[in-house]
Amino acid sequence: MKKFAITFILAAAASLAACSPKAQNDSAEAANSIAADASNTAAAATDTVDTATNNAMAAAASSLDAAANASDNAAAKAGSAADKMRAATGNAMIDTGNAIKK
């Protein structure tokens, strides 16, 4: 296996050395172009993930705010209902006391 790998590497090196300088330059330019495309694709993917993460975090924060507001509103309504019940109970007690006095 090692002999095959060494033979393959030597053959590839000989093939590359046999190429003209223009062919070597064209190959290097193609490799650079591929590397630049890969870099740009990775950067675009990172930006997309960052944007999606930011949008998800904003949506979660908005949902939490809405839940907190709903909770506050429910507590205010419960407090208002308790106040009304307290007032009604007090009025009933006054009415009962007045009825007993008669």
Protein backbone atom coordinates (compact mmCIF):
# COMPACT_ATOMS: atom_id res chain seq x y z
CA MET A 1 0.00 0.00 0.00
CA LYS A 2 2.83 2.39 0.84
CA LYS A 3 4.55 1.65 -2.45
CA PHE A 4 1.36 2.45 -4.33
CA ALA A 5 0.87 5.74 -2.46
CA ILE A 6 4.47 6.77 -3.02
CA THR A 7 4.24 5.84 -6.70
CA PHE A 8 1.01 7.83 -7.04
CA ILE A 9 2.50 10.88 -5.35
CA LEU A 10 5.61 10.74 -7.53
CA ALA A 11 3.48 10.39 -10.66
CA ALA A 12 1.32 13.36 -9.65
CA ALA A 13 4.40 15.44 -8.91
CA ALA A 14 5.94 14.49 -12.25
CA SER A 15 2.69 15.37 -14.04
CA LEU A 16 2.54 18.74 -12.36
CA ALA A 17 6.20 19.42 -13.09
CA ALA A 18 5.63 18.51 -16.71
CA CYS A 19 2.88 21.12 -17.04
CA SER A 20 3.72 24.36 -18.68
CA PRO A 21 3.94 27.47 -16.51
CA LYS A 22 0.69 28.70 -18.07
CA ALA A 23 -1.10 25.46 -17.14
CA GLN A 24 0.30 25.68 -13.62
CA ASN A 25 -0.81 29.32 -13.38
CA ASP A 26 -4.29 28.46 -14.68
CA SER A 27 -4.56 25.66 -12.13
CA ALA A 28 -3.47 27.98 -9.33
CA GLU A 29 -6.02 30.62 -10.42
CA ALA A 30 -8.77 27.99 -10.52
CA ALA A 31 -7.79 26.79 -7.04
CA ASN A 32 -7.82 30.37 -5.75
CA SER A 33 -11.23 30.96 -7.30
CA ILE A 34 -12.62 27.81 -5.70
CA ALA A 35 -11.17 28.84 -2.33
CA ALA A 36 -12.70 32.32 -2.64
CA ASP A 37 -16.09 30.85 -3.56
CA ALA A 38 -15.93 28.50 -0.58
CA SER A 39 -15.01 31.38 1.71
CA ASN A 40 -17.87 33.54 0.39
CA THR A 41 -20.33 30.67 0.76
CA ALA A 42 -19.21 30.07 4.35
CA ALA A 43 -19.55 33.78 5.14
CA ALA A 44 -23.04 33.89 3.62
CA ALA A 45 -24.05 30.81 5.61
CA THR A 46 -22.77 32.41 8.81
CA ASP A 47 -24.73 35.58 8.08
CA THR A 48 -27.87 33.55 7.42
CA VAL A 49 -27.49 31.63 10.68
CA ASP A 50 -26.84 34.88 12.59
CA THR A 51 -29.93 36.50 11.09
CA ALA A 52 -32.10 33.48 11.86
CA THR A 53 -30.79 33.39 15.43
CA ASN A 54 -31.47 37.10 15.93
CA ASN A 55 -34.99 36.74 14.51
CA ALA A 56 -35.71 33.76 16.76
CA MET A 57 -34.44 35.61 19.83
CA ALA A 58 -36.55 38.67 18.97
CA ALA A 59 -39.64 36.50 18.50
CA ALA A 60 -39.01 34.77 21.83
CA ALA A 61 -38.60 38.11 23.60
CA SER A 62 -41.80 39.39 22.02
CA SER A 63 -43.67 36.27 23.14
CA LEU A 64 -42.38 36.67 26.69
CA ASP A 65 -43.42 40.33 26.71
CA ALA A 66 -46.90 39.39 25.50
CA ALA A 67 -47.19 36.70 28.18
CA ALA A 68 -46.09 39.15 30.88
CA ASN A 69 -48.65 41.72 29.67
CA ALA A 70 -51.40 39.10 29.65
CA SER A 71 -50.44 38.06 33.17
CA ASP A 72 -50.48 41.67 34.36
CA ASN A 73 -53.90 42.23 32.78
CA ALA A 74 -55.30 39.06 34.36
CA ALA A 75 -53.96 40.11 37.77
CA ALA A 76 -55.51 43.57 37.39
CA LYS A 77 -58.88 42.04 36.45
CA ALA A 78 -58.69 39.62 39.37
CA GLY A 79 -57.90 42.51 41.72
CA SER A 80 -60.81 44.50 40.34
CA ALA A 81 -63.16 41.53 40.77
CA ALA A 82 -61.95 41.04 44.34
CA ASP A 83 -62.58 44.72 45.08
CA LYS A 84 -66.11 44.42 43.69
CA MET A 85 -66.77 41.28 45.74
CA ARG A 86 -65.43 43.00 48.87
CA ALA A 87 -67.70 46.00 48.25
CA ALA A 88 -70.71 43.77 47.59
CA THR A 89 -70.04 41.81 50.77
CA GLY A 90 -69.72 45.02 52.78
CA ASN A 91 -72.99 46.34 51.33
CA ALA A 92 -74.72 43.05 52.11
CA MET A 93 -73.50 43.22 55.69
CA ILE A 94 -74.77 46.82 56.00
CA ASP A 95 -78.13 45.81 54.56
CA THR A 96 -78.33 42.88 56.97
CA GLY A 97 -77.46 45.13 59.91
CA ASN A 98 -80.12 47.65 58.85
CA ALA A 99 -82.69 44.89 58.49
CA ILE A 100 -81.94 43.64 61.99
CA LYS A 101 -82.29 47.15 63.44
CA LYS A 102 -85.85 47.51 62.08
